[in-house]
Amino acid sequence: MHDQGEHFTDGSILLPPDLVQRWERQIATPYPSLPEAEKQSDREQVLRYLPLVIDAIVIAARQHESGS
């Protein structure tokens, strides 16, 4: 998403209005109602980030068990 916008020196990013409108529509649409291509895109994103989430959960569980 960040690659789609114009980056400024203050760290902000200006996103194109058409993309914001598309993403807002997707957010407001129940998953079963999304077109198959958008569902597949969601699945690909989950597969991309799921290992990071699992690692974070494992680390948190270990810290909790050790009392840290």
PDB file of N, CA and C in Angstrom:
ATOM      1  N   MET A   1       0.828  -1.183   0.000  1.00  0.00           N
ATOM      2  CA  MET A   1       0.000   0.000   0.000  1.00  0.00           C
ATOM      3  C   MET A   1       0.875   1.250   0.000  1.00  0.00           C
ATOM      4  N   HIS A   2       1.906   1.250   0.827  1.00  0.00           N
ATOM      5  CA  HIS A   2       2.746   2.438   0.920  1.00  0.00           C
ATOM      6  C   HIS A   2       3.457   2.755  -0.390  1.00  0.00           C
ATOM      7  N   ASP A   3       3.739   1.740  -1.167  1.00  0.00           N
ATOM      8  CA  ASP A   3       4.406   1.967  -2.453  1.00  0.00           C
ATOM      9  C   ASP A   3       3.507   2.683  -3.451  1.00  0.00           C
ATOM     10  N   GLN A   4       2.205   2.706  -3.185  1.00  0.00           N
ATOM     11  CA  GLN A   4       1.250   3.305  -4.113  1.00  0.00           C
ATOM     12  C   GLN A   4       1.145   4.816  -3.957  1.00  0.00           C
ATOM     13  N   GLY A   5       1.739   5.359  -2.888  1.00  0.00           N
ATOM     14  CA  GLY A   5       1.551   6.773  -2.606  1.00  0.00           C
ATOM     15  C   GLY A   5       2.787   7.619  -2.865  1.00  0.00           C
ATOM     16  N   GLU A   6       2.594   8.928  -2.733  1.00  0.00           N
ATOM     17  CA  GLU A   6       3.673   9.898  -2.866  1.00  0.00           C
ATOM     18  C   GLU A   6       4.251  10.153  -1.474  1.00  0.00           C
ATOM     19  N   HIS A   7       5.545   9.948  -1.326  1.00  0.00           N
ATOM     20  CA  HIS A   7       6.209  10.080  -0.029  1.00  0.00           C
ATOM     21  C   HIS A   7       6.766  11.493   0.135  1.00  0.00           C
ATOM     22  N   PHE A   8       6.632  12.026   1.364  1.00  0.00           N
ATOM     23  CA  PHE A   8       7.123  13.361   1.673  1.00  0.00           C
ATOM     24  C   PHE A   8       8.219  13.281   2.731  1.00  0.00           C
ATOM     25  N   THR A   9       9.017  14.307   2.818  1.00  0.00           N
ATOM     26  CA  THR A   9      10.159  14.314   3.730  1.00  0.00           C
ATOM     27  C   THR A   9       9.749  14.249   5.195  1.00  0.00           C
ATOM     28  N   ASP A  10       8.524  14.632   5.529  1.00  0.00           N
ATOM     29  CA  ASP A  10       8.067  14.574   6.926  1.00  0.00           C
ATOM     30  C   ASP A  10       7.586  13.174   7.313  1.00  0.00           C
ATOM     31  N   GLY A  11       7.689  12.222   6.382  1.00  0.00           N
ATOM     32  CA  GLY A  11       7.283  10.851   6.649  1.00  0.00           C
ATOM     33  C   GLY A  11       5.858  10.529   6.254  1.00  0.00           C
ATOM     34  N   SER A  12       5.107  11.524   5.829  1.00  0.00           N
ATOM     35  CA  SER A  12       3.727  11.275   5.425  1.00  0.00           C
ATOM     36  C   SER A  12       3.680  10.730   3.993  1.00  0.00           C
ATOM     37  N   ILE A  13       2.550  10.130   3.681  1.00  0.00           N
ATOM     38  CA  ILE A  13       2.328   9.562   2.354  1.00  0.00           C
ATOM     39  C   ILE A  13       0.956  10.012   1.876  1.00  0.00           C
ATOM     40  N   LEU A  14       0.894  10.509   0.637  1.00  0.00           N
ATOM     41  CA  LEU A  14      -0.367  10.891   0.010  1.00  0.00           C
ATOM     42  C   LEU A  14      -0.790   9.755  -0.914  1.00  0.00           C
ATOM     43  N   LEU A  15      -1.945   9.158  -0.610  1.00  0.00           N
ATOM     44  CA  LEU A  15      -2.439   8.043  -1.408  1.00  0.00           C
ATOM     45  C   LEU A  15      -3.406   8.543  -2.467  1.00  0.00           C
ATOM     46  N   PRO A  16      -3.366   7.945  -3.659  1.00  0.00           N
ATOM     47  CA  PRO A  16      -4.291   8.345  -4.721  1.00  0.00           C
ATOM     48  C   PRO A  16      -5.745   8.108  -4.310  1.00  0.00           C
ATOM     49  N   PRO A  17      -6.630   9.062  -4.588  1.00  0.00           N
ATOM     50  CA  PRO A  17      -8.039   8.934  -4.177  1.00  0.00           C
ATOM     51  C   PRO A  17      -8.723   7.673  -4.688  1.00  0.00           C
ATOM     52  N   ASP A  18      -8.413   7.238  -5.907  1.00  0.00           N
ATOM     53  CA  ASP A  18      -9.077   6.052  -6.437  1.00  0.00           C
ATOM     54  C   ASP A  18      -8.724   4.806  -5.634  1.00  0.00           C
ATOM     55  N   LEU A  19      -7.472   4.727  -5.163  1.00  0.00           N
ATOM     56  CA  LEU A  19      -7.089   3.584  -4.344  1.00  0.00           C
ATOM     57  C   LEU A  19      -7.755   3.643  -2.974  1.00  0.00           C
ATOM     58  N   VAL A  20      -7.817   4.826  -2.389  1.00  0.00           N
ATOM     59  CA  VAL A  20      -8.479   4.974  -1.095  1.00  0.00           C
ATOM     60  C   VAL A  20      -9.945   4.564  -1.218  1.00  0.00           C
ATOM     61  N   GLN A  21     -10.613   4.993  -2.278  1.00  0.00           N
ATOM     62  CA  GLN A  21     -12.017   4.625  -2.480  1.00  0.00           C
ATOM     63  C   GLN A  21     -12.171   3.118  -2.635  1.00  0.00           C
ATOM     64  N   ARG A  22     -11.263   2.488  -3.375  1.00  0.00           N
ATOM     65  CA  ARG A  22     -11.327   1.043  -3.571  1.00  0.00           C
ATOM     66  C   ARG A  22     -11.130   0.317  -2.244  1.00  0.00           C
ATOM     67  N   TRP A  23     -10.132   0.749  -1.469  1.00  0.00           N
ATOM     68  CA  TRP A  23      -9.856   0.104  -0.189  1.00  0.00           C
ATOM     69  C   TRP A  23     -10.999   0.311   0.794  1.00  0.00           C
ATOM     70  N   GLU A  24     -11.595   1.495   0.781  1.00  0.00           N
ATOM     71  CA  GLU A  24     -12.743   1.750   1.658  1.00  0.00           C
ATOM     72  C   GLU A  24     -13.917   0.843   1.288  1.00  0.00           C
ATOM     73  N   ARG A  25     -14.130   0.640  -0.011  1.00  0.00           N
ATOM     74  CA  ARG A  25     -15.193  -0.268  -0.454  1.00  0.00           C
ATOM     75  C   ARG A  25     -14.898  -1.689   0.004  1.00  0.00           C
ATOM     76  N   GLN A  26     -13.636  -2.098  -0.141  1.00  0.00           N
ATOM     77  CA  GLN A  26     -13.272  -3.447   0.272  1.00  0.00           C
ATOM     78  C   GLN A  26     -13.456  -3.636   1.780  1.00  0.00           C
ATOM     79  N   ILE A  27     -13.074  -2.635   2.568  1.00  0.00           N
ATOM     80  CA  ILE A  27     -13.219  -2.713   4.018  1.00  0.00           C
ATOM     81  C   ILE A  27     -14.685  -2.848   4.404  1.00  0.00           C
ATOM     82  N   ALA A  28     -15.558  -2.146   3.699  1.00  0.00           N
ATOM     83  CA  ALA A  28     -16.987  -2.138   4.026  1.00  0.00           C
ATOM     84  C   ALA A  28     -17.730  -3.368   3.494  1.00  0.00           C
ATOM     85  N   THR A  29     -17.072  -4.168   2.677  1.00  0.00           N
ATOM     86  CA  THR A  29     -17.712  -5.331   2.060  1.00  0.00           C
ATOM     87  C   THR A  29     -17.437  -6.585   2.882  1.00  0.00           C
ATOM     88  N   PRO A  30     -18.478  -7.320   3.282  1.00  0.00           N
ATOM     89  CA  PRO A  30     -18.243  -8.593   3.983  1.00  0.00           C
ATOM     90  C   PRO A  30     -17.407  -9.525   3.099  1.00  0.00           C
ATOM     91  N   TYR A  31     -16.499 -10.258   3.729  1.00  0.00           N
ATOM     92  CA  TYR A  31     -15.583 -11.118   2.970  1.00  0.00           C
ATOM     93  C   TYR A  31     -16.302 -12.020   1.965  1.00  0.00           C
ATOM     94  N   PRO A  32     -17.393 -12.698   2.354  1.00  0.00           N
ATOM     95  CA  PRO A  32     -18.055 -13.579   1.377  1.00  0.00           C
ATOM     96  C   PRO A  32     -18.565 -12.846   0.134  1.00  0.00           C
ATOM     97  N   SER A  33     -18.775 -11.548   0.237  1.00  0.00           N
ATOM     98  CA  SER A  33     -19.306 -10.783  -0.888  1.00  0.00           C
ATOM     99  C   SER A  33     -18.220 -10.211  -1.799  1.00  0.00           C
ATOM    100  N   LEU A  34     -16.964 -10.348  -1.410  1.00  0.00           N
ATOM    101  CA  LEU A  34     -15.883  -9.831  -2.253  1.00  0.00           C
ATOM    102  C   LEU A  34     -15.746 -10.692  -3.507  1.00  0.00           C
ATOM    103  N   PRO A  35     -15.308 -10.096  -4.604  1.00  0.00           N
ATOM    104  CA  PRO A  35     -15.005 -10.898  -5.794  1.00  0.00           C
ATOM    105  C   PRO A  35     -13.865 -11.877  -5.487  1.00  0.00           C
ATOM    106  N   GLU A  36     -13.843 -12.978  -6.185  1.00  0.00           N
ATOM    107  CA  GLU A  36     -12.838 -14.016  -5.923  1.00  0.00           C
ATOM    108  C   GLU A  36     -11.410 -13.476  -6.018  1.00  0.00           C
ATOM    109  N   ALA A  37     -11.136 -12.585  -6.945  1.00  0.00           N
ATOM    110  CA  ALA A  37      -9.779 -12.036  -7.081  1.00  0.00           C
ATOM    111  C   ALA A  37      -9.361 -11.268  -5.829  1.00  0.00           C
ATOM    112  N   GLU A  38     -10.297 -10.552  -5.219  1.00  0.00           N
ATOM    113  CA  GLU A  38      -9.980  -9.804  -4.004  1.00  0.00           C
ATOM    114  C   GLU A  38      -9.812 -10.752  -2.815  1.00  0.00           C
ATOM    115  N   LYS A  39     -10.598 -11.812  -2.776  1.00  0.00           N
ATOM    116  CA  LYS A  39     -10.418 -12.817  -1.731  1.00  0.00           C
ATOM    117  C   LYS A  39      -9.035 -13.455  -1.850  1.00  0.00           C
ATOM    118  N   GLN A  40      -8.635 -13.768  -3.069  1.00  0.00           N
ATOM    119  CA  GLN A  40      -7.326 -14.385  -3.285  1.00  0.00           C
ATOM    120  C   GLN A  40      -6.215 -13.435  -2.876  1.00  0.00           C
ATOM    121  N   SER A  41      -6.375 -12.167  -3.167  1.00  0.00           N
ATOM    122  CA  SER A  41      -5.384 -11.173  -2.742  1.00  0.00           C
ATOM    123  C   SER A  41      -5.290 -11.143  -1.219  1.00  0.00           C
ATOM    124  N   ASP A  42      -6.420 -11.214  -0.532  1.00  0.00           N
ATOM    125  CA  ASP A  42      -6.421 -11.259   0.930  1.00  0.00           C
ATOM    126  C   ASP A  42      -5.686 -12.499   1.427  1.00  0.00           C
ATOM    127  N   ARG A  43      -5.956 -13.638   0.808  1.00  0.00           N
ATOM    128  CA  ARG A  43      -5.287 -14.878   1.218  1.00  0.00           C
ATOM    129  C   ARG A  43      -3.782 -14.767   1.059  1.00  0.00           C
ATOM    130  N   GLU A  44      -3.347 -14.180  -0.046  1.00  0.00           N
ATOM    131  CA  GLU A  44      -1.911 -14.010  -0.285  1.00  0.00           C
ATOM    132  C   GLU A  44      -1.270 -13.113   0.773  1.00  0.00           C
ATOM    133  N   GLN A  45      -1.975 -12.060   1.174  1.00  0.00           N
ATOM    134  CA  GLN A  45      -1.451 -11.171   2.209  1.00  0.00           C
ATOM    135  C   GLN A  45      -1.366 -11.898   3.550  1.00  0.00           C
ATOM    136  N   VAL A  46      -2.373 -12.705   3.869  1.00  0.00           N
ATOM    137  CA  VAL A  46      -2.339 -13.468   5.114  1.00  0.00           C
ATOM    138  C   VAL A  46      -1.148 -14.410   5.106  1.00  0.00           C
ATOM    139  N   LEU A  47      -0.936 -15.123   4.021  1.00  0.00           N
ATOM    140  CA  LEU A  47       0.188 -16.050   3.946  1.00  0.00           C
ATOM    141  C   LEU A  47       1.521 -15.323   4.068  1.00  0.00           C
ATOM    142  N   ARG A  48       1.566 -14.102   3.596  1.00  0.00           N
ATOM    143  CA  ARG A  48       2.799 -13.304   3.670  1.00  0.00           C
ATOM    144  C   ARG A  48       3.117 -12.911   5.113  1.00  0.00           C
ATOM    145  N   TYR A  49       2.092 -12.547   5.884  1.00  0.00           N
ATOM    146  CA  TYR A  49       2.314 -12.023   7.228  1.00  0.00           C
ATOM    147  C   TYR A  49       2.082 -13.032   8.343  1.00  0.00           C
ATOM    148  N   LEU A  50       1.434 -14.133   8.072  1.00  0.00           N
ATOM    149  CA  LEU A  50       1.128 -15.115   9.103  1.00  0.00           C
ATOM    150  C   LEU A  50       2.372 -15.600   9.852  1.00  0.00           C
ATOM    151  N   PRO A  51       3.481 -15.896   9.192  1.00  0.00           N
ATOM    152  CA  PRO A  51       4.671 -16.321   9.945  1.00  0.00           C
ATOM    153  C   PRO A  51       5.137 -15.273  10.962  1.00  0.00           C
ATOM    154  N   LEU A  52       5.015 -14.002  10.638  1.00  0.00           N
ATOM    155  CA  LEU A  52       5.408 -12.951  11.579  1.00  0.00           C
ATOM    156  C   LEU A  52       4.487 -12.932  12.791  1.00  0.00           C
ATOM    157  N   VAL A  53       3.199 -13.118  12.546  1.00  0.00           N
ATOM    158  CA  VAL A  53       2.228 -13.142  13.643  1.00  0.00           C
ATOM    159  C   VAL A  53       2.488 -14.349  14.539  1.00  0.00           C
ATOM    160  N   ILE A  54       2.724 -15.499  13.942  1.00  0.00           N
ATOM    161  CA  ILE A  54       3.002 -16.707  14.720  1.00  0.00           C
ATOM    162  C   ILE A  54       4.253 -16.514  15.564  1.00  0.00           C
ATOM    163  N   ASP A  55       5.313 -15.971  14.976  1.00  0.00           N
ATOM    164  CA  ASP A  55       6.544 -15.726  15.728  1.00  0.00           C
ATOM    165  C   ASP A  55       6.292 -14.793  16.907  1.00  0.00           C
ATOM    166  N   ALA A  56       5.518 -13.740  16.698  1.00  0.00           N
ATOM    167  CA  ALA A  56       5.220 -12.792  17.776  1.00  0.00           C
ATOM    168  C   ALA A  56       4.439 -13.467  18.895  1.00  0.00           C
ATOM    169  N   ILE A  57       3.507 -14.345  18.555  1.00  0.00           N
ATOM    170  CA  ILE A  57       2.729 -15.064  19.561  1.00  0.00           C
ATOM    171  C   ILE A  57       3.632 -16.004  20.353  1.00  0.00           C
ATOM    172  N   VAL A  58       4.503 -16.709  19.663  1.00  0.00           N
ATOM    173  CA  VAL A  58       5.414 -17.641  20.334  1.00  0.00           C
ATOM    174  C   VAL A  58       6.335 -16.879  21.290  1.00  0.00           C
ATOM    175  N   ILE A  59       6.887 -15.767  20.852  1.00  0.00           N
ATOM    176  CA  ILE A  59       7.768 -14.965  21.705  1.00  0.00           C
ATOM    177  C   ILE A  59       7.006 -14.457  22.925  1.00  0.00           C
ATOM    178  N   ALA A  60       5.797 -13.947  22.716  1.00  0.00           N
ATOM    179  CA  ALA A  60       5.001 -13.451  23.835  1.00  0.00           C
ATOM    180  C   ALA A  60       4.666 -14.568  24.824  1.00  0.00           C
ATOM    181  N   ALA A  61       4.350 -15.744  24.318  1.00  0.00           N
ATOM    182  CA  ALA A  61       4.031 -16.877  25.191  1.00  0.00           C
ATOM    183  C   ALA A  61       5.244 -17.284  26.003  1.00  0.00           C
ATOM    184  N   ARG A  62       6.400 -17.307  25.377  1.00  0.00           N
ATOM    185  CA  ARG A  62       7.634 -17.671  26.101  1.00  0.00           C
ATOM    186  C   ARG A  62       7.947 -16.637  27.183  1.00  0.00           C
ATOM    187  N   GLN A  63       7.758 -15.371  26.856  1.00  0.00           N
ATOM    188  CA  GLN A  63       8.013 -14.322  27.849  1.00  0.00           C
ATOM    189  C   GLN A  63       7.032 -14.439  29.009  1.00  0.00           C
ATOM    190  N   HIS A  64       5.804 -14.750  28.695  1.00  0.00           N
ATOM    191  CA  HIS A  64       4.792 -14.899  29.734  1.00  0.00           C
ATOM    192  C   HIS A  64       5.129 -16.074  30.639  1.00  0.00           C
ATOM    193  N   GLU A  65       5.564 -17.176  30.041  1.00  0.00           N
ATOM    194  CA  GLU A  65       5.913 -18.378  30.807  1.00  0.00           C
ATOM    195  C   GLU A  65       7.122 -18.136  31.711  1.00  0.00           C
ATOM    196  N   SER A  66       8.060 -17.325  31.232  1.00  0.00           N
ATOM    197  CA  SER A  66       9.277 -17.086  32.019  1.00  0.00           C
ATOM    198  C   SER A  66       9.089 -15.967  33.032  1.00  0.00           C
ATOM    199  N   GLY A  67       7.926 -15.299  32.985  1.00  0.00           N
ATOM    200  CA  GLY A  67       7.650 -14.222  33.929  1.00  0.00           C
ATOM    201  C   GLY A  67       8.266 -12.902  33.549  1.00  0.00           C
ATOM    202  N   SER A  68       8.739 -12.777  32.328  1.00  0.00           N
ATOM    203  CA  SER A  68       9.356 -11.520  31.863  1.00  0.00           C
ATOM    204  C   SER A  68       8.328 -10.516  31.457  1.00  0.00           C
TER     205      SER A  68
END
